[in-house]
Amino acid sequence: MGNGPSLNQTDLTKLEHEFVWGSNRCYLLYDRINWRPSFYTSVDSLVVPDIANEINALTAQADQTMYFFPMEFYLKKILHFNDRVIFFRQLPINSKLGVNGYFSTTPNSFLRTPNTVTITALQLAVHLGFNPIYLIGCDTNYIIPNGVEAKGQAKDPGTGEIISGYELKSLFDNDPNHFDSRYFGSGSRWHAPNVNGMIYGYQMVKIACDELGVSVLNATVGGMLEVFPRVNFDSLFTKSEKI
């Protein structure tokens, strides 16, 4: 489950008895739903420190969610450990290695750093044996709203694209890119979205999953992600069957 605005057009009540991966500030949905994700991950070096208090509060609750984070957040004492938290080694993407430089089939050893946290979730979901896998809320189109401070630049290690204004800080609760305008709201720090890098990463994921015989289907309502075959979200459910 991505966090795009299309979630506001998705009947999330249908997911109550399903295995769902959540990420980042998906917990802003919790007052709308009576279920919790089975799995949760967050990896961004700007986002995680900003929401660490919320994440640590979540991991301390007695629910059934399993949490996955890069080891660096434990070593820097940003996130806490308990028996429902797993820390993993994270390596940057490496275009010289082709598909293997974007998608790890050995998460026990390491995971690849994505341009989108959804790819982290996909690496873990494949490792845990989920097949097929359905994407929702993966709109994959972004705009930078008014009232955002930007600084710095970065080079995408995969595509070589130079991203100016790489580090962003929102001044208002006016996030148009997620299901809640507070998602990257006032005071939030985030990285400029690299949509080209996301799409290329998803293309590498598809190649890897095809080779492994894992079916990934896009059940997002609308959006710009066309790498994976589309399927209607509502068509996935019947009265007697789960996804």
C-alpha atoms as a PDB file:
ATOM      1  CA  MET A   1       0.000   0.000   0.000  1.00  0.00           C
ATOM      2  CA  GLY A   2       1.465   3.261  -1.177  1.00  0.00           C
ATOM      3  CA  ASN A   3       0.258   6.530   0.296  1.00  0.00           C
ATOM      4  CA  GLY A   4      -1.043   8.335  -2.782  1.00  0.00           C
ATOM      5  CA  PRO A   5      -4.273  10.375  -2.871  1.00  0.00           C
ATOM      6  CA  SER A   6      -5.962   7.511  -4.735  1.00  0.00           C
ATOM      7  CA  LEU A   7      -6.387   5.804  -1.352  1.00  0.00           C
ATOM      8  CA  ASN A   8      -9.215   8.302  -0.799  1.00  0.00           C
ATOM      9  CA  GLN A   9     -11.006   6.611  -3.725  1.00  0.00           C
ATOM     10  CA  THR A  10     -10.259   3.058  -2.537  1.00  0.00           C
ATOM     11  CA  ASP A  11     -12.546   1.049  -0.267  1.00  0.00           C
ATOM     12  CA  LEU A  12      -9.983   0.222   2.392  1.00  0.00           C
ATOM     13  CA  THR A  13     -12.521  -1.636   4.523  1.00  0.00           C
ATOM     14  CA  LYS A  14     -12.071  -4.577   2.138  1.00  0.00           C
ATOM     15  CA  LEU A  15      -8.518  -5.070   3.384  1.00  0.00           C
ATOM     16  CA  GLU A  16      -9.448  -5.916   6.961  1.00  0.00           C
ATOM     17  CA  HIS A  17      -8.553  -9.605   6.633  1.00  0.00           C
ATOM     18  CA  GLU A  18      -5.691  -9.254   4.154  1.00  0.00           C
ATOM     19  CA  PHE A  19      -1.925  -9.033   4.511  1.00  0.00           C
ATOM     20  CA  VAL A  20      -1.092  -5.363   3.937  1.00  0.00           C
ATOM     21  CA  TRP A  21       2.259  -3.606   3.856  1.00  0.00           C
ATOM     22  CA  GLY A  22       2.164  -0.013   5.146  1.00  0.00           C
ATOM     23  CA  SER A  23       4.876   2.637   5.142  1.00  0.00           C
ATOM     24  CA  ASN A  24       5.888   6.059   6.403  1.00  0.00           C
ATOM     25  CA  ARG A  25       2.871   8.015   7.705  1.00  0.00           C
ATOM     26  CA  CYS A  26       0.259   5.433   6.766  1.00  0.00           C
ATOM     27  CA  TYR A  27      -0.860   5.692  10.401  1.00  0.00           C
ATOM     28  CA  LEU A  28      -2.686   8.905   9.484  1.00  0.00           C
ATOM     29  CA  LEU A  29      -5.249   6.489   8.038  1.00  0.00           C
ATOM     30  CA  TYR A  30      -5.826   4.704  11.314  1.00  0.00           C
ATOM     31  CA  ASP A  31      -8.787   6.819  12.408  1.00  0.00           C
ATOM     32  CA  ARG A  32     -10.551   5.738   9.190  1.00  0.00           C
ATOM     33  CA  ILE A  33      -9.983   1.980   9.383  1.00  0.00           C
ATOM     34  CA  ASN A  34     -10.460  -0.748  11.991  1.00  0.00           C
ATOM     35  CA  TRP A  35      -7.487  -2.846  10.850  1.00  0.00           C
ATOM     36  CA  ARG A  36      -3.717  -2.362  10.953  1.00  0.00           C
ATOM     37  CA  PRO A  37      -1.056  -3.339   8.425  1.00  0.00           C
ATOM     38  CA  SER A  38       0.515  -6.742   8.936  1.00  0.00           C
ATOM     39  CA  PHE A  39       3.881  -5.236   7.977  1.00  0.00           C
ATOM     40  CA  TYR A  40       5.352  -1.739   8.044  1.00  0.00           C
ATOM     41  CA  THR A  41       8.570  -0.228   6.713  1.00  0.00           C
ATOM     42  CA  SER A  42      10.152   3.206   6.483  1.00  0.00           C
ATOM     43  CA  VAL A  43      13.627   3.930   5.109  1.00  0.00           C
ATOM     44  CA  ASP A  44      14.028   7.604   4.164  1.00  0.00           C
ATOM     45  CA  SER A  45      16.923   9.371   5.932  1.00  0.00           C
ATOM     46  CA  LEU A  46      14.942  12.617   6.249  1.00  0.00           C
ATOM     47  CA  VAL A  47      11.481  11.216   6.916  1.00  0.00           C
ATOM     48  CA  VAL A  48      12.320   8.620   9.580  1.00  0.00           C
ATOM     49  CA  PRO A  49      14.068  11.002  12.014  1.00  0.00           C
ATOM     50  CA  ASP A  50      11.152  13.428  11.634  1.00  0.00           C
ATOM     51  CA  ILE A  51       8.542  10.819  12.544  1.00  0.00           C
ATOM     52  CA  ALA A  52      10.667   8.673  14.868  1.00  0.00           C
ATOM     53  CA  ASN A  53       8.537   9.476  17.924  1.00  0.00           C
ATOM     54  CA  GLU A  54       5.410   8.302  16.106  1.00  0.00           C
ATOM     55  CA  ILE A  55       7.141   5.159  14.820  1.00  0.00           C
ATOM     56  CA  ASN A  56       8.507   4.261  18.245  1.00  0.00           C
ATOM     57  CA  ALA A  57       5.048   4.745  19.728  1.00  0.00           C
ATOM     58  CA  LEU A  58       3.621   2.379  17.104  1.00  0.00           C
ATOM     59  CA  THR A  59       6.214  -0.335  17.674  1.00  0.00           C
ATOM     60  CA  ALA A  60       5.556  -0.198  21.424  1.00  0.00           C
ATOM     61  CA  GLN A  61       1.876  -1.020  20.976  1.00  0.00           C
ATOM     62  CA  ALA A  62       0.627  -4.556  21.449  1.00  0.00           C
ATOM     63  CA  ASP A  63      -0.647  -5.096  17.928  1.00  0.00           C
ATOM     64  CA  GLN A  64       0.314  -7.702  15.328  1.00  0.00           C
ATOM     65  CA  THR A  65       2.299  -5.477  12.950  1.00  0.00           C
ATOM     66  CA  MET A  66       5.886  -6.454  12.121  1.00  0.00           C
ATOM     67  CA  TYR A  67       8.254  -3.563  11.481  1.00  0.00           C
ATOM     68  CA  PHE A  68      11.287  -3.412   9.165  1.00  0.00           C
ATOM     69  CA  PHE A  69      13.895  -0.617   9.204  1.00  0.00           C
ATOM     70  CA  PRO A  70      17.469   0.004   8.033  1.00  0.00           C
ATOM     71  CA  MET A  71      20.025  -0.800  10.716  1.00  0.00           C
ATOM     72  CA  GLU A  72      21.405   2.746  10.680  1.00  0.00           C
ATOM     73  CA  PHE A  73      18.338   4.018  12.537  1.00  0.00           C
ATOM     74  CA  TYR A  74      19.062   1.620  15.397  1.00  0.00           C
ATOM     75  CA  LEU A  75      22.780   2.379  15.480  1.00  0.00           C
ATOM     76  CA  LYS A  76      22.043   6.112  15.616  1.00  0.00           C
ATOM     77  CA  LYS A  77      19.477   5.493  18.381  1.00  0.00           C
ATOM     78  CA  ILE A  78      16.667   6.958  16.284  1.00  0.00           C
ATOM     79  CA  LEU A  79      14.435   3.867  16.405  1.00  0.00           C
ATOM     80  CA  HIS A  80      14.015   1.352  19.208  1.00  0.00           C
ATOM     81  CA  PHE A  81      14.258  -2.419  19.096  1.00  0.00           C
ATOM     82  CA  ASN A  82      11.690  -4.916  20.346  1.00  0.00           C
ATOM     83  CA  ASP A  83      10.552  -8.394  19.353  1.00  0.00           C
ATOM     84  CA  ARG A  84       8.380  -7.061  16.503  1.00  0.00           C
ATOM     85  CA  VAL A  85      11.100  -4.890  14.951  1.00  0.00           C
ATOM     86  CA  ILE A  86      13.601  -6.214  12.394  1.00  0.00           C
ATOM     87  CA  PHE A  87      16.574  -4.119  11.308  1.00  0.00           C
ATOM     88  CA  PHE A  88      18.227  -4.868   7.981  1.00  0.00           C
ATOM     89  CA  ARG A  89      21.371  -3.870   6.113  1.00  0.00           C
ATOM     90  CA  GLN A  90      20.648  -1.387   3.333  1.00  0.00           C
ATOM     91  CA  LEU A  91      22.856  -0.878   0.269  1.00  0.00           C
ATOM     92  CA  PRO A  92      22.497   1.821  -2.406  1.00  0.00           C
ATOM     93  CA  ILE A  93      21.245   0.901  -5.854  1.00  0.00           C
ATOM     94  CA  ASN A  94      24.012   0.045  -8.306  1.00  0.00           C
ATOM     95  CA  SER A  95      23.246   0.367 -12.017  1.00  0.00           C
ATOM     96  CA  LYS A  96      26.391  -1.572 -12.949  1.00  0.00           C
ATOM     97  CA  LEU A  97      24.792  -4.735 -11.557  1.00  0.00           C
ATOM     98  CA  GLY A  98      21.630  -4.489 -13.648  1.00  0.00           C
ATOM     99  CA  VAL A  99      18.521  -5.925 -11.986  1.00  0.00           C
ATOM    100  CA  ASN A 100      20.583  -7.218  -9.055  1.00  0.00           C
ATOM    101  CA  GLY A 101      21.628  -3.645  -8.358  1.00  0.00           C
ATOM    102  CA  TYR A 102      18.007  -2.635  -7.794  1.00  0.00           C
ATOM    103  CA  PHE A 103      16.337  -5.670  -6.270  1.00  0.00           C
ATOM    104  CA  SER A 104      17.750  -7.957  -3.591  1.00  0.00           C
ATOM    105  CA  THR A 105      16.588 -11.560  -3.413  1.00  0.00           C
ATOM    106  CA  THR A 106      18.567 -12.034  -0.181  1.00  0.00           C
ATOM    107  CA  PRO A 107      17.119  -9.577   2.358  1.00  0.00           C
ATOM    108  CA  ASN A 108      18.759 -11.586   5.142  1.00  0.00           C
ATOM    109  CA  SER A 109      22.005 -10.147   3.758  1.00  0.00           C
ATOM    110  CA  PHE A 110      20.866  -6.747   2.493  1.00  0.00           C
ATOM    111  CA  LEU A 111      18.142  -4.747   0.761  1.00  0.00           C
ATOM    112  CA  ARG A 112      18.627  -2.176  -1.975  1.00  0.00           C
ATOM    113  CA  THR A 113      17.865   1.479  -1.248  1.00  0.00           C
ATOM    114  CA  PRO A 114      14.915   2.483  -3.432  1.00  0.00           C
ATOM    115  CA  ASN A 115      13.670   5.758  -4.900  1.00  0.00           C
ATOM    116  CA  THR A 116      10.390   4.747  -3.282  1.00  0.00           C
ATOM    117  CA  VAL A 117       9.779   2.822  -0.066  1.00  0.00           C
ATOM    118  CA  THR A 118       7.315   0.611  -1.946  1.00  0.00           C
ATOM    119  CA  ILE A 119      10.283  -1.143  -3.554  1.00  0.00           C
ATOM    120  CA  THR A 120      11.637  -1.947  -0.094  1.00  0.00           C
ATOM    121  CA  ALA A 121       8.276  -3.497   0.758  1.00  0.00           C
ATOM    122  CA  LEU A 122       8.291  -5.448  -2.510  1.00  0.00           C
ATOM    123  CA  GLN A 123      11.728  -6.939  -1.833  1.00  0.00           C
ATOM    124  CA  LEU A 124      10.562  -8.053   1.605  1.00  0.00           C
ATOM    125  CA  ALA A 125       7.183  -9.336   0.399  1.00  0.00           C
ATOM    126  CA  VAL A 126       8.807 -11.481  -2.296  1.00  0.00           C
ATOM    127  CA  HIS A 127      11.293 -12.846   0.242  1.00  0.00           C
ATOM    128  CA  LEU A 128       8.432 -13.812   2.572  1.00  0.00           C
ATOM    129  CA  GLY A 129       6.705 -15.727  -0.203  1.00  0.00           C
ATOM    130  CA  PHE A 130       3.776 -13.498  -1.168  1.00  0.00           C
ATOM    131  CA  ASN A 131       2.488 -14.211  -4.676  1.00  0.00           C
ATOM    132  CA  PRO A 132       0.593 -12.551  -6.247  1.00  0.00           C
ATOM    133  CA  ILE A 133       1.241  -9.055  -4.912  1.00  0.00           C
ATOM    134  CA  TYR A 134      -1.181  -6.176  -5.515  1.00  0.00           C
ATOM    135  CA  LEU A 135      -0.238  -2.499  -5.428  1.00  0.00           C
ATOM    136  CA  ILE A 136      -2.649   0.190  -4.241  1.00  0.00           C
ATOM    137  CA  GLY A 137      -2.062   3.864  -3.569  1.00  0.00           C
ATOM    138  CA  CYS A 138       0.991   3.882  -5.858  1.00  0.00           C
ATOM    139  CA  ASP A 139      -0.002   6.957  -7.846  1.00  0.00           C
ATOM    140  CA  THR A 140       3.626   7.757  -8.818  1.00  0.00           C
ATOM    141  CA  ASN A 141       2.968  11.342  -9.831  1.00  0.00           C
ATOM    142  CA  TYR A 142       4.044  14.319  -7.748  1.00  0.00           C
ATOM    143  CA  ILE A 143       4.044  18.104  -7.690  1.00  0.00           C
ATOM    144  CA  ILE A 144       5.946  20.399  -5.340  1.00  0.00           C
ATOM    145  CA  PRO A 145       3.293  22.608  -3.696  1.00  0.00           C
ATOM    146  CA  ASN A 146       3.676  26.261  -2.771  1.00  0.00           C
ATOM    147  CA  GLY A 147       5.393  26.948   0.506  1.00  0.00           C
ATOM    148  CA  VAL A 148       8.188  24.379   0.280  1.00  0.00           C
ATOM    149  CA  GLU A 149      11.795  25.275   1.001  1.00  0.00           C
ATOM    150  CA  ALA A 150      14.358  23.456  -1.146  1.00  0.00           C
ATOM    151  CA  LYS A 151      18.132  23.122  -0.914  1.00  0.00           C
ATOM    152  CA  GLY A 152      20.983  20.938  -2.098  1.00  0.00           C
ATOM    153  CA  GLN A 153      21.198  18.545  -5.028  1.00  0.00           C
ATOM    154  CA  ALA A 154      21.900  14.886  -5.564  1.00  0.00           C
ATOM    155  CA  LYS A 155      22.812  12.544  -8.414  1.00  0.00           C
ATOM    156  CA  ASP A 156      20.673   9.466  -8.812  1.00  0.00           C
ATOM    157  CA  PRO A 157      23.148   6.548  -8.701  1.00  0.00           C
ATOM    158  CA  GLY A 158      21.032   4.565 -11.118  1.00  0.00           C
ATOM    159  CA  THR A 159      19.944   7.000 -13.831  1.00  0.00           C
ATOM    160  CA  GLY A 160      22.612   9.678 -13.321  1.00  0.00           C
ATOM    161  CA  GLU A 161      19.873  12.301 -13.133  1.00  0.00           C
ATOM    162  CA  ILE A 162      20.824  15.450 -11.174  1.00  0.00           C
ATOM    163  CA  ILE A 163      18.071  16.428  -8.758  1.00  0.00           C
ATOM    164  CA  SER A 164      18.210  20.063  -7.677  1.00  0.00           C
ATOM    165  CA  GLY A 165      16.509  21.181  -4.503  1.00  0.00           C
ATOM    166  CA  TYR A 166      16.829  17.593  -3.252  1.00  0.00           C
ATOM    167  CA  GLU A 167      16.092  18.280   0.411  1.00  0.00           C
ATOM    168  CA  LEU A 168      12.660  19.818   0.985  1.00  0.00           C
ATOM    169  CA  LYS A 169      10.851  21.266   3.979  1.00  0.00           C
ATOM    170  CA  SER A 170       7.118  21.970   3.969  1.00  0.00           C
ATOM    171  CA  LEU A 171       5.804  25.148   5.543  1.00  0.00           C
ATOM    172  CA  PHE A 172       2.090  24.349   5.377  1.00  0.00           C
ATOM    173  CA  ASP A 173      -0.323  21.410   5.648  1.00  0.00           C
ATOM    174  CA  ASN A 174      -0.953  21.404   1.909  1.00  0.00           C
ATOM    175  CA  ASP A 175       0.519  18.119   0.662  1.00  0.00           C
ATOM    176  CA  PRO A 176      -1.266  17.198  -2.614  1.00  0.00           C
ATOM    177  CA  ASN A 177       0.743  14.023  -3.213  1.00  0.00           C
ATOM    178  CA  HIS A 178      -0.658  11.813  -0.444  1.00  0.00           C
ATOM    179  CA  PHE A 179      -3.991  10.757   1.007  1.00  0.00           C
ATOM    180  CA  ASP A 180      -3.809  13.435   3.728  1.00  0.00           C
ATOM    181  CA  SER A 181      -2.699  17.065   3.324  1.00  0.00           C
ATOM    182  CA  ARG A 182      -0.802  16.727   6.629  1.00  0.00           C
ATOM    183  CA  TYR A 183       1.307  13.825   5.333  1.00  0.00           C
ATOM    184  CA  PHE A 184       4.285  16.022   4.501  1.00  0.00           C
ATOM    185  CA  GLY A 185       2.735  18.971   6.276  1.00  0.00           C
ATOM    186  CA  SER A 186       4.121  21.965   8.118  1.00  0.00           C
ATOM    187  CA  GLY A 187       7.684  21.338   9.319  1.00  0.00           C
ATOM    188  CA  SER A 188       8.080  17.997   7.509  1.00  0.00           C
ATOM    189  CA  ARG A 189      11.349  17.224   5.751  1.00  0.00           C
ATOM    190  CA  TRP A 190      11.394  15.058   2.645  1.00  0.00           C
ATOM    191  CA  HIS A 191      13.395  14.333  -0.478  1.00  0.00           C
ATOM    192  CA  ALA A 192      12.364  15.700  -3.855  1.00  0.00           C
ATOM    193  CA  PRO A 193      10.527  12.857  -5.614  1.00  0.00           C
ATOM    194  CA  ASN A 194      12.548  11.293  -8.434  1.00  0.00           C
ATOM    195  CA  VAL A 195       9.716   9.913 -10.555  1.00  0.00           C
ATOM    196  CA  ASN A 196      12.005   8.780 -13.382  1.00  0.00           C
ATOM    197  CA  GLY A 197      14.093   6.887 -10.850  1.00  0.00           C
ATOM    198  CA  MET A 198      10.957   5.349  -9.335  1.00  0.00           C
ATOM    199  CA  ILE A 199       9.692   4.155 -12.715  1.00  0.00           C
ATOM    200  CA  TYR A 200      13.066   2.706 -13.654  1.00  0.00           C
ATOM    201  CA  GLY A 201      13.253   0.983 -10.268  1.00  0.00           C
ATOM    202  CA  TYR A 202       9.804  -0.513 -10.798  1.00  0.00           C
ATOM    203  CA  GLN A 203      10.916  -1.753 -14.218  1.00  0.00           C
ATOM    204  CA  MET A 204      13.822  -3.551 -12.552  1.00  0.00           C
ATOM    205  CA  VAL A 205      11.424  -4.974  -9.952  1.00  0.00           C
ATOM    206  CA  LYS A 206       9.187  -6.348 -12.702  1.00  0.00           C
ATOM    207  CA  ILE A 207      12.099  -8.065 -14.405  1.00  0.00           C
ATOM    208  CA  ALA A 208      13.229  -9.593 -11.120  1.00  0.00           C
ATOM    209  CA  CYS A 209       9.733 -10.725 -10.166  1.00  0.00           C
ATOM    210  CA  ASP A 210       9.046 -12.157 -13.627  1.00  0.00           C
ATOM    211  CA  GLU A 211      12.236 -14.208 -13.349  1.00  0.00           C
ATOM    212  CA  LEU A 212      11.136 -15.454  -9.918  1.00  0.00           C
ATOM    213  CA  GLY A 213       7.618 -16.258 -11.098  1.00  0.00           C
ATOM    214  CA  VAL A 214       6.075 -13.639  -8.801  1.00  0.00           C
ATOM    215  CA  SER A 215       3.079 -11.758 -10.179  1.00  0.00           C
ATOM    216  CA  VAL A 216       2.859  -8.051  -9.308  1.00  0.00           C
ATOM    217  CA  LEU A 217      -0.361  -6.300 -10.347  1.00  0.00           C
ATOM    218  CA  ASN A 218      -1.338  -2.643 -10.026  1.00  0.00           C
ATOM    219  CA  ALA A 219      -4.748  -2.148  -8.398  1.00  0.00           C
ATOM    220  CA  THR A 220      -4.212   1.578  -7.825  1.00  0.00           C
ATOM    221  CA  VAL A 221      -7.134   3.802  -8.774  1.00  0.00           C
ATOM    222  CA  GLY A 222      -5.666   5.933 -11.570  1.00  0.00           C
ATOM    223  CA  GLY A 223      -2.141   7.251 -11.180  1.00  0.00           C
ATOM    224  CA  MET A 224       0.826   7.137 -13.546  1.00  0.00           C
ATOM    225  CA  LEU A 225       2.361   3.727 -12.806  1.00  0.00           C
ATOM    226  CA  GLU A 226       2.028   1.570 -15.935  1.00  0.00           C
ATOM    227  CA  VAL A 227       4.947  -0.819 -15.408  1.00  0.00           C
ATOM    228  CA  PHE A 228       2.749  -3.566 -13.946  1.00  0.00           C
ATOM    229  CA  PRO A 229      -0.473  -4.951 -15.432  1.00  0.00           C
ATOM    230  CA  ARG A 230      -3.578  -3.149 -14.197  1.00  0.00           C
ATOM    231  CA  VAL A 231      -6.368  -4.837 -12.294  1.00  0.00           C
ATOM    232  CA  ASN A 232      -9.555  -3.361 -10.820  1.00  0.00           C
ATOM    233  CA  PHE A 233      -9.319  -3.265  -7.038  1.00  0.00           C
ATOM    234  CA  ASP A 234     -12.979  -4.104  -6.401  1.00  0.00           C
ATOM    235  CA  SER A 235     -12.781  -7.100  -8.751  1.00  0.00           C
ATOM    236  CA  LEU A 236     -10.276  -8.769  -6.413  1.00  0.00           C
ATOM    237  CA  PHE A 237     -12.876  -9.486  -3.776  1.00  0.00           C
ATOM    238  CA  THR A 238     -15.779 -11.873  -3.525  1.00  0.00           C
ATOM    239  CA  LYS A 239     -17.924 -12.753  -0.507  1.00  0.00           C
ATOM    240  CA  SER A 240     -16.138 -16.041  -0.024  1.00  0.00           C
ATOM    241  CA  GLU A 241     -12.577 -15.324  -1.092  1.00  0.00           C
ATOM    242  CA  LYS A 242      -9.681 -13.170  -0.019  1.00  0.00           C
ATOM    243  CA  ILE A 243      -7.102 -11.677  -2.343  1.00  0.00           C
END
